[in-house]
Amino acid sequence: MPPTKAQRERMARIADAGCIVCRRHIGVWSPAGIHHITTGRKRNHDETIALCAQHHQTGGTGVALHANRVAWEEKYGTQDELLEATKRLVK
C-alpha cells in the first residue's frame, strides 16, 4: 500500500534528519534514504528509519544492514531501538 500524505511528510522529515547510525555512533549528519524496518511482524510506512548508503546497503558486513543484519544490530542496536531514537528525534 502506498504511503499516505502524512506518512510521506514524516519520511521526508526523517530523511532530512540524516542517517540515525551516523548521528548516534559517529556524531555527524550524513544524507540518508528511508529504510523500512524488516524484523518480526510485517511493518508499515510508520516504522521507518533513515540510513546513509553505507549503513544501509553498500558498507559490507558489519557496516551495512543488508550485508549482515545480525552483525549490524550487534554493532549499532536493533532496528526497533533505532526506530525509537528516530521517533524522539523527529517528534
C-alpha atoms as a PDB file:
ATOM      1  CA  MET A   1       0.000   0.000   0.000  1.00  0.00           C
ATOM      2  CA  PRO A   2       1.420   3.421  -0.907  1.00  0.00           C
ATOM      3  CA  PRO A   3       2.175   5.815   1.952  1.00  0.00           C
ATOM      4  CA  THR A   4      -0.363   8.435   2.942  1.00  0.00           C
ATOM      5  CA  LYS A   5       0.428  12.132   2.708  1.00  0.00           C
ATOM      6  CA  ALA A   6       1.188  12.219   6.449  1.00  0.00           C
ATOM      7  CA  GLN A   7       3.498   9.219   6.126  1.00  0.00           C
ATOM      8  CA  ARG A   8       5.327  10.804   3.176  1.00  0.00           C
ATOM      9  CA  GLU A   9       5.799  14.003   5.186  1.00  0.00           C
ATOM     10  CA  ARG A  10       7.096  12.017   8.182  1.00  0.00           C
ATOM     11  CA  MET A  11       9.535  10.076   5.996  1.00  0.00           C
ATOM     12  CA  ALA A  12      10.780  13.348   4.491  1.00  0.00           C
ATOM     13  CA  ARG A  13      11.477  14.725   7.995  1.00  0.00           C
ATOM     14  CA  ILE A  14      13.306  11.516   8.908  1.00  0.00           C
ATOM     15  CA  ALA A  15      15.441  11.623   5.766  1.00  0.00           C
ATOM     16  CA  ASP A  16      16.209  15.316   6.360  1.00  0.00           C
ATOM     17  CA  ALA A  17      17.483  14.433   9.862  1.00  0.00           C
ATOM     18  CA  GLY A  18      20.134  12.203   8.261  1.00  0.00           C
ATOM     19  CA  CYS A  19      21.383   8.717   8.994  1.00  0.00           C
ATOM     20  CA  ILE A  20      20.441   7.669  12.525  1.00  0.00           C
ATOM     21  CA  VAL A  21      23.536   5.454  12.814  1.00  0.00           C
ATOM     22  CA  CYS A  22      25.914   8.251  11.791  1.00  0.00           C
ATOM     23  CA  ARG A  23      24.211  10.623  14.245  1.00  0.00           C
ATOM     24  CA  ARG A  24      24.339   8.214  17.196  1.00  0.00           C
ATOM     25  CA  HIS A  25      27.646   6.453  16.644  1.00  0.00           C
ATOM     26  CA  ILE A  26      29.840   8.952  14.799  1.00  0.00           C
ATOM     27  CA  GLY A  27      28.233  12.243  15.780  1.00  0.00           C
ATOM     28  CA  VAL A  28      27.833  13.553  12.243  1.00  0.00           C
ATOM     29  CA  TRP A  29      24.986  14.300   9.862  1.00  0.00           C
ATOM     30  CA  SER A  30      25.015  12.377   6.600  1.00  0.00           C
ATOM     31  CA  PRO A  31      22.461  12.273   3.781  1.00  0.00           C
ATOM     32  CA  ALA A  32      20.115   9.343   4.065  1.00  0.00           C
ATOM     33  CA  GLY A  33      17.277   7.458   2.485  1.00  0.00           C
ATOM     34  CA  ILE A  34      14.396   5.665   4.119  1.00  0.00           C
ATOM     35  CA  HIS A  35      14.670   2.090   5.373  1.00  0.00           C
ATOM     36  CA  HIS A  36      11.525   0.173   6.305  1.00  0.00           C
ATOM     37  CA  ILE A  37      12.115  -1.936   9.426  1.00  0.00           C
ATOM     38  CA  THR A  38      12.411  -5.566   8.351  1.00  0.00           C
ATOM     39  CA  THR A  39      12.356  -7.665  11.517  1.00  0.00           C
ATOM     40  CA  GLY A  40       9.495  -9.540  13.128  1.00  0.00           C
ATOM     41  CA  ARG A  41       5.966  -8.841  12.043  1.00  0.00           C
ATOM     42  CA  LYS A  42       5.027  -7.128   8.813  1.00  0.00           C
ATOM     43  CA  ARG A  43       5.871  -3.435   9.121  1.00  0.00           C
ATOM     44  CA  ASN A  44       4.429  -0.318   7.524  1.00  0.00           C
ATOM     45  CA  HIS A  45       5.427   3.177   6.428  1.00  0.00           C
ATOM     46  CA  ASP A  46       5.211   4.437  10.019  1.00  0.00           C
ATOM     47  CA  GLU A  47       8.092   2.164  11.022  1.00  0.00           C
ATOM     48  CA  THR A  48      10.983   3.631   9.091  1.00  0.00           C
ATOM     49  CA  ILE A  49      14.443   4.954   9.884  1.00  0.00           C
ATOM     50  CA  ALA A  50      16.927   6.971   7.842  1.00  0.00           C
ATOM     51  CA  LEU A  51      20.167   5.290   6.803  1.00  0.00           C
ATOM     52  CA  CYS A  52      23.006   6.510   4.608  1.00  0.00           C
ATOM     53  CA  ALA A  53      24.034   4.267   1.711  1.00  0.00           C
ATOM     54  CA  GLN A  54      26.975   2.842   3.643  1.00  0.00           C
ATOM     55  CA  HIS A  55      24.909   1.842   6.693  1.00  0.00           C
ATOM     56  CA  HIS A  56      22.027   0.652   4.540  1.00  0.00           C
ATOM     57  CA  GLN A  57      23.466  -1.352   1.643  1.00  0.00           C
ATOM     58  CA  THR A  58      26.977  -0.543   0.434  1.00  0.00           C
ATOM     59  CA  GLY A  59      29.210  -0.750   3.517  1.00  0.00           C
ATOM     60  CA  GLY A  60      29.736  -4.510   3.610  1.00  0.00           C
ATOM     61  CA  THR A  61      29.446  -6.932   6.513  1.00  0.00           C
ATOM     62  CA  GLY A  62      29.309  -5.246   9.908  1.00  0.00           C
ATOM     63  CA  VAL A  63      28.673  -1.840   8.357  1.00  0.00           C
ATOM     64  CA  ALA A  64      25.673  -2.287   6.033  1.00  0.00           C
ATOM     65  CA  LEU A  65      22.370  -3.551   7.394  1.00  0.00           C
ATOM     66  CA  HIS A  66      21.596  -5.582   4.292  1.00  0.00           C
ATOM     67  CA  ALA A  67      25.030  -7.241   4.281  1.00  0.00           C
ATOM     68  CA  ASN A  68      24.502  -8.925   7.668  1.00  0.00           C
ATOM     69  CA  ARG A  69      21.602  -7.799   9.844  1.00  0.00           C
ATOM     70  CA  VAL A  70      22.726  -9.704  12.949  1.00  0.00           C
ATOM     71  CA  ALA A  71      26.255  -8.254  12.937  1.00  0.00           C
ATOM     72  CA  TRP A  72      24.883  -4.802  12.138  1.00  0.00           C
ATOM     73  CA  GLU A  73      22.397  -4.857  15.028  1.00  0.00           C
ATOM     74  CA  GLU A  74      25.071  -6.082  17.441  1.00  0.00           C
ATOM     75  CA  LYS A  75      27.197  -3.084  16.478  1.00  0.00           C
ATOM     76  CA  TYR A  76      24.597  -0.314  16.141  1.00  0.00           C
ATOM     77  CA  GLY A  77      21.499  -1.515  18.019  1.00  0.00           C
ATOM     78  CA  THR A  78      18.320  -3.155  16.855  1.00  0.00           C
ATOM     79  CA  GLN A  79      16.147  -1.588  14.221  1.00  0.00           C
ATOM     80  CA  ASP A  80      13.442  -1.151  16.874  1.00  0.00           C
ATOM     81  CA  GLU A  81      15.892   0.723  19.138  1.00  0.00           C
ATOM     82  CA  LEU A  82      16.861   2.973  16.241  1.00  0.00           C
ATOM     83  CA  LEU A  83      13.181   3.483  15.415  1.00  0.00           C
ATOM     84  CA  GLU A  84      12.580   4.729  18.960  1.00  0.00           C
ATOM     85  CA  ALA A  85      15.576   7.095  18.676  1.00  0.00           C
ATOM     86  CA  THR A  86      14.207   8.312  15.337  1.00  0.00           C
ATOM     87  CA  LYS A  87      10.785   8.980  16.864  1.00  0.00           C
ATOM     88  CA  ARG A  88      12.387  11.094  19.617  1.00  0.00           C
ATOM     89  CA  LEU A  89      14.420  12.987  17.024  1.00  0.00           C
ATOM     90  CA  VAL A  90      11.574  13.972  14.702  1.00  0.00           C
ATOM     91  CA  LYS A  91       8.631  14.173  17.144  1.00  0.00           C
END
